[in-house]
Amino acid sequence: MQIQIILAFLLIACFMGINSQRTDCDKIYKACVSCRNSKMNTTELNNLCRKQIRDVIWRNQTQCDLQRISCRNPCQKLNCRNIAKEAKMPPRRT
């Protein structure tokens, strides 16, 4: 009985430890937006992606938007296609 309680306690402690290490991307985004210098120039990237990706309606992304997308998807490349997908840009009607 005591060993079960100890194992349950250790299991709960492990889950809490893992959960506390997760990055809070929305918290990082809010801190970025509140910064005065958050309007870093992403014009070139937006123009390039708008030319490359023609099947979605491209919405301009700020540096903070890109940081949040990258934070939420650390294993994906930060390319135009993935940015459009993660930013939920609407498809262009043809």
Foldseek 3Di string as FASTA:
>chain_A
DVVVVVVVVVVVVVVVVVVVPQDDLVVQLVVLVPDPPQQPDPPVLQVVLCVVDPFFDGDDDTPSLLSSLCSVCVPDDSHSVSSCVSVVTHTDDD
